[in-house]
C-alpha atoms as a PDB file:
ATOM      1  CA  MET A   1       0.000   0.000   0.000  1.00  0.00           C
ATOM      2  CA  LEU A   2       1.192   3.540  -0.656  1.00  0.00           C
ATOM      3  CA  LEU A   3      -0.100   7.086  -0.397  1.00  0.00           C
ATOM      4  CA  VAL A   4       0.738  10.178  -2.427  1.00  0.00           C
ATOM      5  CA  SER A   5       2.990  12.228  -0.202  1.00  0.00           C
ATOM      6  CA  SER A   6       2.983  16.012  -0.315  1.00  0.00           C
ATOM      7  CA  ALA A   7       6.213  15.753   1.674  1.00  0.00           C
ATOM      8  CA  ILE A   8       8.215  14.982  -1.466  1.00  0.00           C
ATOM      9  CA  GLY A   9       6.266  17.125  -3.882  1.00  0.00           C
ATOM     10  CA  LEU A  10       4.048  14.481  -5.451  1.00  0.00           C
ATOM     11  CA  ASP A  11       0.966  16.576  -4.727  1.00  0.00           C
ATOM     12  CA  ARG A  12       2.239  19.032  -7.343  1.00  0.00           C
ATOM     13  CA  LEU A  13       2.367  16.496 -10.160  1.00  0.00           C
ATOM     14  CA  GLY A  14      -1.059  17.700 -11.290  1.00  0.00           C
ATOM     15  CA  ASP A  15       0.271  21.205 -11.948  1.00  0.00           C
ATOM     16  CA  TRP A  16       3.270  19.702 -13.694  1.00  0.00           C
ATOM     17  CA  GLN A  17       0.979  17.689 -15.945  1.00  0.00           C
ATOM     18  CA  LYS A  18      -1.069  20.767 -16.876  1.00  0.00           C
ATOM     19  CA  GLN A  19       2.001  22.815 -17.734  1.00  0.00           C
ATOM     20  CA  HIS A  20       4.141  20.208 -19.450  1.00  0.00           C
ATOM     21  CA  VAL A  21       1.641  17.598 -20.694  1.00  0.00           C
ATOM     22  CA  PHE A  22       3.325  15.365 -18.141  1.00  0.00           C
ATOM     23  CA  THR A  23       6.531  14.050 -19.632  1.00  0.00           C
ATOM     24  CA  PRO A  24       7.976  11.882 -16.853  1.00  0.00           C
ATOM     25  CA  ARG A  25      11.535  12.528 -18.024  1.00  0.00           C
ATOM     26  CA  GLY A  26      10.934  16.263 -18.306  1.00  0.00           C
ATOM     27  CA  ALA A  27      11.987  18.969 -15.897  1.00  0.00           C
ATOM     28  CA  TYR A  28       9.798  18.795 -12.808  1.00  0.00           C
ATOM     29  CA  GLU A  29      11.850  21.151 -10.676  1.00  0.00           C
ATOM     30  CA  ARG A  30      15.167  22.613 -11.660  1.00  0.00           C
ATOM     31  CA  SER A  31      16.675  21.596  -8.318  1.00  0.00           C
ATOM     32  CA  ASP A  32      15.401  18.035  -8.693  1.00  0.00           C
ATOM     33  CA  PRO A  33      18.252  16.005 -10.243  1.00  0.00           C
ATOM     34  CA  MET A  34      16.005  13.074 -11.043  1.00  0.00           C
ATOM     35  CA  ALA A  35      13.215  14.974 -12.780  1.00  0.00           C
ATOM     36  CA  GLY A  36       9.787  13.343 -12.608  1.00  0.00           C
ATOM     37  CA  VAL A  37      10.377   9.664 -13.151  1.00  0.00           C
ATOM     38  CA  GLY A  38      13.150   9.483 -10.543  1.00  0.00           C
ATOM     39  CA  ARG A  39      11.086  11.265  -7.932  1.00  0.00           C
ATOM     40  CA  LEU A  40       8.213   8.840  -8.466  1.00  0.00           C
ATOM     41  CA  ALA A  41      10.595   5.864  -8.387  1.00  0.00           C
ATOM     42  CA  ASP A  42      12.020   7.013  -5.040  1.00  0.00           C
ATOM     43  CA  TRP A  43       8.505   7.405  -3.647  1.00  0.00           C
ATOM     44  CA  ILE A  44       7.620   3.836  -4.666  1.00  0.00           C
ATOM     45  CA  GLU A  45      10.942   2.461  -3.394  1.00  0.00           C
ATOM     46  CA  SER A  46      10.524   4.127  -0.012  1.00  0.00           C
ATOM     47  CA  SER A  47       6.991   2.821   0.370  1.00  0.00           C
ATOM     48  CA  CYS A  48       8.166  -0.660  -0.556  1.00  0.00           C
ATOM     49  CA  LEU A  49      11.329  -0.671   1.557  1.00  0.00           C
ATOM     50  CA  PHE A  50       9.858   0.731   4.772  1.00  0.00           C
ATOM     51  CA  GLY A  51       6.273  -0.498   4.371  1.00  0.00           C
ATOM     52  CA  GLN A  52       4.875  -3.601   6.024  1.00  0.00           C
ATOM     53  CA  ASP A  53       3.829  -5.388   2.842  1.00  0.00           C
ATOM     54  CA  GLY A  54       7.216  -5.228   1.150  1.00  0.00           C
ATOM     55  CA  LYS A  55       5.667  -5.020  -2.312  1.00  0.00           C
ATOM     56  CA  ILE A  56       4.033  -2.397  -4.528  1.00  0.00           C
ATOM     57  CA  SER A  57       2.078  -3.201  -7.685  1.00  0.00           C
ATOM     58  CA  LYS A  58       1.530  -1.070 -10.765  1.00  0.00           C
ATOM     59  CA  THR A  59      -2.196  -1.199 -10.077  1.00  0.00           C
ATOM     60  CA  GLU A  60      -1.699   0.270  -6.602  1.00  0.00           C
ATOM     61  CA  VAL A  61       0.356   3.126  -8.000  1.00  0.00           C
ATOM     62  CA  VAL A  62      -2.163   3.904 -10.734  1.00  0.00           C
ATOM     63  CA  ASP A  63      -5.068   3.773  -8.284  1.00  0.00           C
ATOM     64  CA  GLU A  64      -3.314   6.129  -5.874  1.00  0.00           C
ATOM     65  CA  LEU A  65      -2.284   8.631  -8.544  1.00  0.00           C
ATOM     66  CA  VAL A  66      -5.828   8.724  -9.922  1.00  0.00           C
ATOM     67  CA  GLY A  67      -7.696   8.456  -6.613  1.00  0.00           C
ATOM     68  CA  SER A  68      -5.679  11.232  -5.017  1.00  0.00           C
ATOM     69  CA  GLY A  69      -6.523  13.596  -7.848  1.00  0.00           C
ATOM     70  CA  VAL A  70      -2.876  14.106  -8.720  1.00  0.00           C
ATOM     71  CA  ILE A  71      -3.474  12.930 -12.288  1.00  0.00           C
ATOM     72  CA  GLN A  72      -6.332  14.501 -14.216  1.00  0.00           C
ATOM     73  CA  PRO A  73      -7.784  13.580 -17.638  1.00  0.00           C
ATOM     74  CA  LYS A  74      -6.426  15.506 -20.590  1.00  0.00           C
ATOM     75  CA  GLY A  75      -8.132  15.702 -23.960  1.00  0.00           C
ATOM     76  CA  SER A  76      -9.269  12.270 -25.016  1.00  0.00           C
ATOM     77  CA  GLN A  77      -7.071  10.518 -22.442  1.00  0.00           C
ATOM     78  CA  THR A  78      -8.558   9.414 -19.144  1.00  0.00           C
ATOM     79  CA  SER A  79      -6.766   9.779 -15.825  1.00  0.00           C
ATOM     80  CA  GLU A  80      -6.219   6.025 -15.760  1.00  0.00           C
ATOM     81  CA  GLU A  81      -4.619   5.986 -19.206  1.00  0.00           C
ATOM     82  CA  ILE A  82      -2.235   8.799 -18.332  1.00  0.00           C
ATOM     83  CA  ALA A  83      -1.361   7.208 -14.992  1.00  0.00           C
ATOM     84  CA  GLU A  84      -0.685   3.840 -16.641  1.00  0.00           C
ATOM     85  CA  GLU A  85       1.760   5.469 -19.089  1.00  0.00           C
ATOM     86  CA  ILE A  86       3.524   7.210 -16.239  1.00  0.00           C
ATOM     87  CA  VAL A  87       3.768   4.066 -14.134  1.00  0.00           C
ATOM     88  CA  ASP A  88       5.155   2.107 -17.093  1.00  0.00           C
ATOM     89  CA  GLU A  89       7.900   4.760 -17.373  1.00  0.00           C
ATOM     90  CA  VAL A  90       8.635   4.473 -13.665  1.00  0.00           C
ATOM     91  CA  PHE A  91       8.981   0.691 -13.842  1.00  0.00           C
ATOM     92  CA  VAL A  92      11.414   1.117 -16.733  1.00  0.00           C
ATOM     93  CA  GLU A  93      13.461   3.337 -14.418  1.00  0.00           C
ATOM     94  CA  LEU A  94      13.243   0.805 -11.589  1.00  0.00           C
ATOM     95  CA  ARG A  95      14.505  -1.955 -13.901  1.00  0.00           C
ATOM     96  CA  ARG A  96      17.334   0.300 -15.016  1.00  0.00           C
ATOM     97  CA  ARG A  97      18.333   0.781 -11.382  1.00  0.00           C
ATOM     98  CA  GLN A  98      18.230  -2.949 -10.778  1.00  0.00           C
ATOM     99  CA  ASN A  99      20.371  -3.618 -13.847  1.00  0.00           C
ATOM    100  CA  LEU A 100      22.968  -1.035 -12.764  1.00  0.00           C
ATOM    101  CA  THR A 101      23.755  -2.853  -9.518  1.00  0.00           C
ATOM    102  CA  GLU A 102      25.458  -6.130  -8.776  1.00  0.00           C
ATOM    103  CA  PRO A 103      22.885  -8.685  -7.547  1.00  0.00           C
ATOM    104  CA  GLY A 104      22.980  -9.889  -3.957  1.00  0.00           C
ATOM    105  CA  GLY A 105      24.695  -8.578  -0.855  1.00  0.00           C
ATOM    106  CA  PRO A 106      23.782  -5.840   1.623  1.00  0.00           C
ATOM    107  CA  PHE A 107      24.722  -3.015  -0.773  1.00  0.00           C
ATOM    108  CA  SER A 108      22.812  -4.095  -3.857  1.00  0.00           C
ATOM    109  CA  PHE A 109      19.489  -2.789  -5.150  1.00  0.00           C
ATOM    110  CA  PRO A 110      17.147  -4.174  -2.435  1.00  0.00           C
ATOM    111  CA  PHE A 111      14.211  -4.995  -4.727  1.00  0.00           C
ATOM    112  CA  ASP A 112      13.158  -7.387  -7.436  1.00  0.00           C
ATOM    113  CA  VAL A 113      11.373  -5.659 -10.304  1.00  0.00           C
ATOM    114  CA  GLU A 114       8.804  -8.012 -11.764  1.00  0.00           C
ATOM    115  CA  SER A 115       6.500  -7.296 -14.715  1.00  0.00           C
ATOM    116  CA  SER A 116       3.955  -5.435 -12.603  1.00  0.00           C
ATOM    117  CA  VAL A 117       5.271  -5.575  -9.017  1.00  0.00           C
ATOM    118  CA  LEU A 118       8.203  -4.128  -7.081  1.00  0.00           C
ATOM    119  CA  ARG A 119       9.112  -6.551  -4.310  1.00  0.00           C
ATOM    120  CA  ARG A 120      11.478  -6.111  -1.365  1.00  0.00           C
ATOM    121  CA  ARG A 121      14.033  -8.906  -1.261  1.00  0.00           C
ATOM    122  CA  GLU A 122      14.365  -9.158   2.506  1.00  0.00           C
ATOM    123  CA  SER A 123      11.705  -9.474   5.203  1.00  0.00           C
ATOM    124  CA  ASP A 124      12.264  -5.896   6.385  1.00  0.00           C
ATOM    125  CA  TRP A 125      14.354  -2.789   5.682  1.00  0.00           C
ATOM    126  CA  THR A 126      17.136  -3.386   8.219  1.00  0.00           C
ATOM    127  CA  SER A 127      19.245  -5.487   5.851  1.00  0.00           C
ATOM    128  CA  SER A 128      19.257  -2.582   3.409  1.00  0.00           C
ATOM    129  CA  ALA A 129      19.597   0.286   5.871  1.00  0.00           C
ATOM    130  CA  THR A 130      22.421   1.948   3.933  1.00  0.00           C
ATOM    131  CA  TYR A 131      20.299   2.035   0.796  1.00  0.00           C
ATOM    132  CA  GLY A 132      17.426   3.332   2.898  1.00  0.00           C
ATOM    133  CA  PHE A 133      19.602   6.100   4.318  1.00  0.00           C
ATOM    134  CA  LEU A 134      20.666   7.238   0.832  1.00  0.00           C
ATOM    135  CA  LEU A 135      17.049   7.111  -0.316  1.00  0.00           C
ATOM    136  CA  LEU A 136      15.816   9.239   2.585  1.00  0.00           C
ATOM    137  CA  ALA A 137      18.715  11.666   2.277  1.00  0.00           C
ATOM    138  CA  THR A 138      17.699  12.117  -1.346  1.00  0.00           C
ATOM    139  CA  MET A 139      14.083  12.891  -0.558  1.00  0.00           C
ATOM    140  CA  GLY A 140      15.111  15.213   2.242  1.00  0.00           C
ATOM    141  CA  GLN A 141      16.830  17.484  -0.273  1.00  0.00           C
ATOM    142  CA  LEU A 142      13.593  18.952  -1.587  1.00  0.00           C
ATOM    143  CA  VAL A 143      11.640  19.295   1.627  1.00  0.00           C
ATOM    144  CA  ASP A 144      12.072  20.042   5.308  1.00  0.00           C
ATOM    145  CA  TRP A 145      10.288  17.063   6.817  1.00  0.00           C
ATOM    146  CA  LEU A 146      13.512  15.227   7.692  1.00  0.00           C
ATOM    147  CA  ARG A 147      14.738  18.230   9.670  1.00  0.00           C
ATOM    148  CA  THR A 148      13.083  17.202  12.905  1.00  0.00           C
ATOM    149  CA  LYS A 149      14.289  16.673  16.455  1.00  0.00           C
ATOM    150  CA  SER A 150      15.324  13.178  15.419  1.00  0.00           C
ATOM    151  CA  THR A 151      17.944  14.330  12.918  1.00  0.00           C
ATOM    152  CA  THR A 152      19.856  17.279  11.499  1.00  0.00           C
ATOM    153  CA  TYR A 153      21.490  17.995   8.178  1.00  0.00           C
ATOM    154  CA  ASP A 154      24.856  17.921   9.965  1.00  0.00           C
ATOM    155  CA  GLU A 155      24.151  14.387  11.142  1.00  0.00           C
ATOM    156  CA  ILE A 156      23.065  13.342   7.651  1.00  0.00           C
ATOM    157  CA  GLY A 157      26.167  14.994   6.202  1.00  0.00           C
ATOM    158  CA  HIS A 158      28.585  13.269   8.553  1.00  0.00           C
ATOM    159  CA  LEU A 159      27.030   9.840   7.992  1.00  0.00           C
ATOM    160  CA  PHE A 160      27.127  10.449   4.262  1.00  0.00           C
ATOM    161  CA  GLU A 161      30.836  11.359   4.405  1.00  0.00           C
ATOM    162  CA  ASP A 162      31.588   8.096   6.228  1.00  0.00           C
ATOM    163  CA  ILE A 163      29.669   6.136   3.573  1.00  0.00           C
ATOM    164  CA  VAL A 164      31.523   7.949   0.785  1.00  0.00           C
ATOM    165  CA  ARG A 165      34.911   7.306   2.388  1.00  0.00           C
ATOM    166  CA  LEU A 166      34.237   3.571   2.719  1.00  0.00           C
ATOM    167  CA  SER A 167      32.839   3.378  -0.801  1.00  0.00           C
ATOM    168  CA  THR A 168      35.846   5.110  -2.336  1.00  0.00           C
ATOM    169  CA  GLU A 169      38.161   2.737  -0.481  1.00  0.00           C
ATOM    170  CA  GLY A 170      36.402  -0.062  -2.330  1.00  0.00           C
ATOM    171  CA  LEU A 171      36.647   1.789  -5.637  1.00  0.00           C
ATOM    172  CA  PHE A 172      40.160   3.206  -5.452  1.00  0.00           C
ATOM    173  CA  GLY A 173      42.126   1.794  -2.529  1.00  0.00           C
ATOM    174  CA  LEU A 174      43.657   2.903   0.757  1.00  0.00           C
ATOM    175  CA  PRO A 175      44.320   5.042   2.681  1.00  0.00           C
ATOM    176  CA  SER A 176      41.379   7.401   2.925  1.00  0.00           C
ATOM    177  CA  ALA A 177      40.427  10.151   5.333  1.00  0.00           C
ATOM    178  CA  VAL A 178      37.691  12.677   6.058  1.00  0.00           C
ATOM    179  CA  LEU A 179      38.457  16.359   6.570  1.00  0.00           C
ATOM    180  CA  LEU A 180      36.160  17.375   9.399  1.00  0.00           C
ATOM    181  CA  THR A 181      34.314  20.602   8.669  1.00  0.00           C
ATOM    182  CA  SER A 182      35.648  23.549  10.630  1.00  0.00           C
ATOM    183  CA  LYS A 183      33.349  24.976  13.268  1.00  0.00           C
ATOM    184  CA  LYS A 184      33.465  28.394  14.906  1.00  0.00           C
ATOM    185  CA  GLY A 185      36.642  28.727  16.918  1.00  0.00           C
ATOM    186  CA  ALA A 186      38.224  25.607  15.397  1.00  0.00           C
ATOM    187  CA  ASP A 187      41.843  25.395  14.335  1.00  0.00           C
ATOM    188  CA  HIS A 188      43.015  26.995  11.140  1.00  0.00           C
ATOM    189  CA  LEU A 189      42.660  24.899   7.985  1.00  0.00           C
ATOM    190  CA  LYS A 190      46.431  24.269   7.900  1.00  0.00           C
ATOM    191  CA  ARG A 191      46.456  22.336  11.157  1.00  0.00           C
ATOM    192  CA  ARG A 192      43.464  20.227  10.231  1.00  0.00           C
ATOM    193  CA  VAL A 193      44.908  19.457   6.790  1.00  0.00           C
ATOM    194  CA  ARG A 194      48.213  18.352   8.304  1.00  0.00           C
ATOM    195  CA  LYS A 195      46.313  15.873  10.451  1.00  0.00           C
ATOM    196  CA  LEU A 196      44.323  14.726   7.423  1.00  0.00           C
ATOM    197  CA  LEU A 197      47.492  14.027   5.440  1.00  0.00           C
ATOM    198  CA  LEU A 198      49.231  11.863   8.035  1.00  0.00           C
ATOM    199  CA  PRO A 199      48.094   8.543   6.471  1.00  0.00           C
ATOM    200  CA  PHE A 200      49.256   9.740   3.036  1.00  0.00           C
ATOM    201  CA  ASN A 201      52.809  10.805   3.930  1.00  0.00           C
ATOM    202  CA  ARG A 202      52.157  14.194   2.331  1.00  0.00           C
ATOM    203  CA  GLY A 203      52.869  17.677   3.666  1.00  0.00           C
ATOM    204  CA  THR A 204      51.445  21.169   3.359  1.00  0.00           C
ATOM    205  CA  LEU A 205      53.047  24.016   1.442  1.00  0.00           C
ATOM    206  CA  ALA A 206      53.674  27.542   2.657  1.00  0.00           C
ATOM    207  CA  GLU A 207      50.680  28.983   0.794  1.00  0.00           C
ATOM    208  CA  ILE A 208      48.182  27.231   3.046  1.00  0.00           C
ATOM    209  CA  ALA A 209      49.184  29.486   5.915  1.00  0.00           C
ATOM    210  CA  ALA A 210      47.570  32.359   4.013  1.00  0.00           C
ATOM    211  CA  ALA A 211      44.280  30.521   3.457  1.00  0.00           C
ATOM    212  CA  PRO A 212      41.449  32.811   4.611  1.00  0.00           C
ATOM    213  CA  ARG A 213      40.065  31.891   8.006  1.00  0.00           C
ATOM    214  CA  ARG A 214      36.594  31.888   6.526  1.00  0.00           C
ATOM    215  CA  VAL A 215      37.589  28.805   4.514  1.00  0.00           C
ATOM    216  CA  ARG A 216      35.925  25.967   6.413  1.00  0.00           C
ATOM    217  CA  ASP A 217      37.133  23.043   4.338  1.00  0.00           C
ATOM    218  CA  GLY A 218      38.043  24.389   0.902  1.00  0.00           C
ATOM    219  CA  GLY A 219      35.299  22.276  -0.657  1.00  0.00           C
ATOM    220  CA  LEU A 220      37.064  19.088   0.413  1.00  0.00           C
ATOM    221  CA  ASP A 221      35.395  16.337   2.437  1.00  0.00           C
ATOM    222  CA  VAL A 222      37.144  13.072   1.602  1.00  0.00           C
ATOM    223  CA  VAL A 223      40.629  12.219   0.319  1.00  0.00           C
ATOM    224  CA  VAL A 224      41.458   8.791  -1.066  1.00  0.00           C
ATOM    225  CA  ARG A 225      44.655   7.403  -2.594  1.00  0.00           C
ATOM    226  CA  LEU A 226      44.439   5.560  -5.886  1.00  0.00           C
ATOM    227  CA  TRP A 227      45.406   1.883  -5.634  1.00  0.00           C
ATOM    228  CA  ASP A 228      47.644   2.017  -2.594  1.00  0.00           C
ATOM    229  CA  HIS A 229      47.147  -1.604  -1.575  1.00  0.00           C
ATOM    230  CA  THR A 230      50.909  -2.146  -1.674  1.00  0.00           C
ATOM    231  CA  ARG A 231      51.546   0.782   0.714  1.00  0.00           C
ATOM    232  CA  ASP A 232      53.501   2.408  -2.091  1.00  0.00           C
ATOM    233  CA  ARG A 233      54.391   5.926  -0.924  1.00  0.00           C
ATOM    234  CA  ARG A 234      56.573   6.925  -3.854  1.00  0.00           C
ATOM    235  CA  PRO A 235      55.864  10.044  -5.960  1.00  0.00           C
ATOM    236  CA  GLY A 236      53.588   9.925  -8.977  1.00  0.00           C
ATOM    237  CA  ASN A 237      50.607   8.336  -7.274  1.00  0.00           C
ATOM    238  CA  ALA A 238      47.175   9.927  -7.686  1.00  0.00           C
ATOM    239  CA  HIS A 239      44.668  11.196  -5.138  1.00  0.00           C
ATOM    240  CA  PHE A 240      40.950  11.887  -5.414  1.00  0.00           C
ATOM    241  CA  LEU A 241      39.657  14.976  -3.603  1.00  0.00           C
ATOM    242  CA  ILE A 242      35.952  14.469  -3.040  1.00  0.00           C
ATOM    243  CA  GLN A 243      33.196  16.912  -2.180  1.00  0.00           C
ATOM    244  CA  CYS A 244      30.113  15.362  -0.555  1.00  0.00           C
ATOM    245  CA  ALA A 245      26.725  17.008  -1.111  1.00  0.00           C
ATOM    246  CA  ALA A 246      23.886  15.492   0.885  1.00  0.00           C
ATOM    247  CA  GLY A 247      21.828  18.702   1.026  1.00  0.00           C
ATOM    248  CA  LYS A 248      19.551  20.468  -1.419  1.00  0.00           C
ATOM    249  CA  ASP A 249      22.244  23.034  -2.290  1.00  0.00           C
ATOM    250  CA  TRP A 250      24.224  20.348  -4.111  1.00  0.00           C
ATOM    251  CA  GLU A 251      24.438  22.254  -7.420  1.00  0.00           C
ATOM    252  CA  LYS A 252      26.364  25.073  -5.742  1.00  0.00           C
ATOM    253  CA  LYS A 253      29.081  22.576  -4.806  1.00  0.00           C
ATOM    254  CA  VAL A 254      29.635  20.960  -8.202  1.00  0.00           C
ATOM    255  CA  ASN A 255      32.735  23.060  -8.984  1.00  0.00           C
ATOM    256  CA  THR A 256      34.444  22.277  -5.691  1.00  0.00           C
ATOM    257  CA  PRO A 257      36.996  21.494  -4.478  1.00  0.00           C
ATOM    258  CA  GLU A 258      39.043  24.039  -6.396  1.00  0.00           C
ATOM    259  CA  LEU A 259      42.075  22.036  -7.492  1.00  0.00           C
ATOM    260  CA  ALA A 260      44.253  25.140  -7.971  1.00  0.00           C
ATOM    261  CA  ASN A 261      43.950  25.929  -4.258  1.00  0.00           C
ATOM    262  CA  TRP A 262      44.792  22.408  -3.182  1.00  0.00           C
ATOM    263  CA  GLN A 263      47.726  22.231  -5.543  1.00  0.00           C
ATOM    264  CA  ALA A 264      49.057  25.378  -3.855  1.00  0.00           C
ATOM    265  CA  TRP A 265      48.326  24.175  -0.325  1.00  0.00           C
ATOM    266  CA  VAL A 266      49.555  20.555  -0.388  1.00  0.00           C
ATOM    267  CA  ASP A 267      52.538  18.710  -1.831  1.00  0.00           C
ATOM    268  CA  TRP A 268      50.650  15.781  -3.342  1.00  0.00           C
ATOM    269  CA  ARG A 269      53.717  14.445  -5.199  1.00  0.00           C
ATOM    270  CA  GLY A 270      51.413  13.386  -8.026  1.00  0.00           C
ATOM    271  CA  PRO A 271      48.192  14.247  -9.866  1.00  0.00           C
ATOM    272  CA  ILE A 272      44.942  15.078  -8.084  1.00  0.00           C
ATOM    273  CA  TYR A 273      41.398  14.635  -9.389  1.00  0.00           C
ATOM    274  CA  LYS A 274      37.991  15.909  -8.361  1.00  0.00           C
ATOM    275  CA  GLY A 275      35.157  13.714  -7.170  1.00  0.00           C
ATOM    276  CA  PHE A 276      31.599  14.712  -6.320  1.00  0.00           C
ATOM    277  CA  ALA A 277      29.362  12.418  -4.253  1.00  0.00           C
ATOM    278  CA  VAL A 278      25.571  12.655  -3.933  1.00  0.00           C
ATOM    279  CA  PRO A 279      23.013  10.289  -2.363  1.00  0.00           C
ATOM    280  CA  PHE A 280      20.589  10.412  -5.282  1.00  0.00           C
ATOM    281  CA  LEU A 281      20.599   8.609  -8.609  1.00  0.00           C
ATOM    282  CA  PHE A 282      20.508  10.508 -11.884  1.00  0.00           C
ATOM    283  CA  SER A 283      17.593   9.339 -14.019  1.00  0.00           C
ATOM    284  CA  GLY A 284      19.098  10.515 -17.276  1.00  0.00           C
ATOM    285  CA  ASP A 285      22.575  10.135 -18.737  1.00  0.00           C
ATOM    286  CA  GLN A 286      22.320  13.635 -20.193  1.00  0.00           C
ATOM    287  CA  ARG A 287      21.889  15.212 -16.754  1.00  0.00           C
ATOM    288  CA  LEU A 288      24.740  13.162 -15.318  1.00  0.00           C
ATOM    289  CA  HIS A 289      26.972  14.161 -18.217  1.00  0.00           C
ATOM    290  CA  ALA A 290      26.104  17.838 -17.799  1.00  0.00           C
ATOM    291  CA  VAL A 291      26.916  17.846 -14.086  1.00  0.00           C
ATOM    292  CA  SER A 292      30.237  16.107 -14.632  1.00  0.00           C
ATOM    293  CA  ARG A 293      31.175  18.580 -17.358  1.00  0.00           C
ATOM    294  CA  ALA A 294      29.985  21.582 -15.313  1.00  0.00           C
ATOM    295  CA  GLY A 295      32.422  20.547 -12.615  1.00  0.00           C
ATOM    296  CA  GLY A 296      35.346  20.475 -15.045  1.00  0.00           C
ATOM    297  CA  TRP A 297      34.937  16.756 -15.811  1.00  0.00           C
ATOM    298  CA  THR A 298      34.425  15.766 -12.233  1.00  0.00           C
ATOM    299  CA  LEU A 299      34.029  12.112 -11.291  1.00  0.00           C
ATOM    300  CA  ILE A 300      30.383  11.762 -10.189  1.00  0.00           C
ATOM    301  CA  LEU A 301      29.605   9.239  -7.471  1.00  0.00           C
ATOM    302  CA  ASP A 302      25.842   8.823  -7.221  1.00  0.00           C
ATOM    303  CA  ARG A 303      23.803   6.282  -5.264  1.00  0.00           C
ATOM    304  CA  ILE A 304      24.507   3.348  -7.572  1.00  0.00           C
ATOM    305  CA  ARG A 305      28.256   3.983  -7.789  1.00  0.00           C
ATOM    306  CA  LEU A 306      28.512   4.425  -4.030  1.00  0.00           C
ATOM    307  CA  LEU A 307      26.737   1.116  -3.503  1.00  0.00           C
ATOM    308  CA  TYR A 308      29.108  -0.594  -5.934  1.00  0.00           C
ATOM    309  CA  GLY A 309      32.086   0.768  -4.003  1.00  0.00           C
ATOM    310  CA  LEU A 310      30.653  -0.455  -0.703  1.00  0.00           C
ATOM    311  CA  GLY A 311      30.077  -3.870  -2.232  1.00  0.00           C
ATOM    312  CA  THR A 312      33.660  -3.955  -3.494  1.00  0.00           C
ATOM    313  CA  ALA A 313      34.945  -2.955  -0.061  1.00  0.00           C
ATOM    314  CA  GLY A 314      32.987  -5.940   1.225  1.00  0.00           C
ATOM    315  CA  SER A 315      31.935  -4.739   4.653  1.00  0.00           C
ATOM    316  CA  MET A 316      31.089  -1.761   6.805  1.00  0.00           C
ATOM    317  CA  PRO A 317      32.232  -1.199  10.411  1.00  0.00           C
ATOM    318  CA  SER A 318      29.606  -2.578  12.769  1.00  0.00           C
ATOM    319  CA  GLU A 319      29.362   0.711  14.654  1.00  0.00           C
ATOM    320  CA  LEU A 320      28.564   2.657  11.487  1.00  0.00           C
ATOM    321  CA  THR A 321      26.027   0.008  10.429  1.00  0.00           C
ATOM    322  CA  LYS A 322      24.365   0.312  13.824  1.00  0.00           C
ATOM    323  CA  THR A 323      24.312   4.115  13.635  1.00  0.00           C
ATOM    324  CA  ILE A 324      22.732   4.097  10.167  1.00  0.00           C
ATOM    325  CA  ARG A 325      20.061   1.625  11.256  1.00  0.00           C
ATOM    326  CA  GLU A 326      19.269   3.697  14.337  1.00  0.00           C
ATOM    327  CA  TRP A 327      19.037   6.828  12.197  1.00  0.00           C
ATOM    328  CA  CYS A 328      16.591   5.164   9.791  1.00  0.00           C
ATOM    329  CA  LYS A 329      14.563   3.788  12.697  1.00  0.00           C
ATOM    330  CA  ARG A 330      14.190   7.287  14.128  1.00  0.00           C
ATOM    331  CA  GLN A 331      12.669   8.430  10.822  1.00  0.00           C
ATOM    332  CA  LEU A 332       9.892   5.814  10.785  1.00  0.00           C
ATOM    333  CA  PRO A 333       7.314   8.012  12.581  1.00  0.00           C
ATOM    334  CA  ALA A 334       7.911  10.808  10.055  1.00  0.00           C
ATOM    335  CA  LEU A 335       7.711   8.311   7.199  1.00  0.00           C
ATOM    336  CA  LYS A 336       4.366   7.040   8.423  1.00  0.00           C
ATOM    337  CA  LYS A 337       3.064  10.551   9.025  1.00  0.00           C
ATOM    338  CA  ASN A 338       3.973  11.529   5.467  1.00  0.00           C
ATOM    339  CA  GLY A 339       2.545   8.419   3.833  1.00  0.00           C
ATOM    340  CA  LEU A 340       5.881   6.782   3.012  1.00  0.00           C
ATOM    341  CA  ALA A 341       5.681   3.733   5.277  1.00  0.00           C
ATOM    342  CA  ILE A 342       2.224   2.199   5.547  1.00  0.00           C
END
């Protein structure tokens, strides 16, 4: 069972339909990276993952879209006909997501997409809590309902950085480290960067001493060494400098970190590359391509790529797993209140 949730903007699909003749892969909201079909897919996934039934059928989705009044008839087409077309598009997107992930394991796509049913693979959501966290972080970008007493954007951001660090270890190697965001009265960036670089045997350059004190982190969240499994510390090895964007202002961060600054601040002894991590999944290759290019050909790590990295890493520290599960559990009342866990 599922309900249209105003909490993630689905109540505005009717206006979208009137203005744009409802093209599911069209531009719903400029700040929505997944456009229409991705937003609907996330809504269905959330209802399936956190709901009691563990399955959602096409018929249920059509009935809810029509019964809620979100979809209205247009011309010779009935509401049911329009809704069926939309739901077919959404199931194409869900199959695409399933095909993009490696089957099995705690970090895979947690559903089976059948001809007319989305079915949760496990008996409940706890086995897929990391996926659930990324899903909820995505939906929280457009609305304020996740900003309750049970969570904060800082908490979401810090958990997301830990997930990104572990994922990039699986993708690229060790070591890795997180640059903790500077808070009011914290040490100057130079001191924090020196601590960050200890596992990498790299040092800072004189220019970092002149970094403005208003620079909190220079757009850098995670550093990872490329293929350092042999503990090779010689020059010429590459590093990825990764910006994590779990909030709705993600587009403002695409061009960070500024590599010129970090080349002046740190002796990397080799090339450095930009990475940009987000909890959502781009519905269209064109949008993904545009974001990568806008960031100066930045490596984009979205939900699917992060999951692949976690799967390659093979495991997650038990304490982090516990924290993520507890975080998701605290959101269940809000999910039920907003019609996302029935």
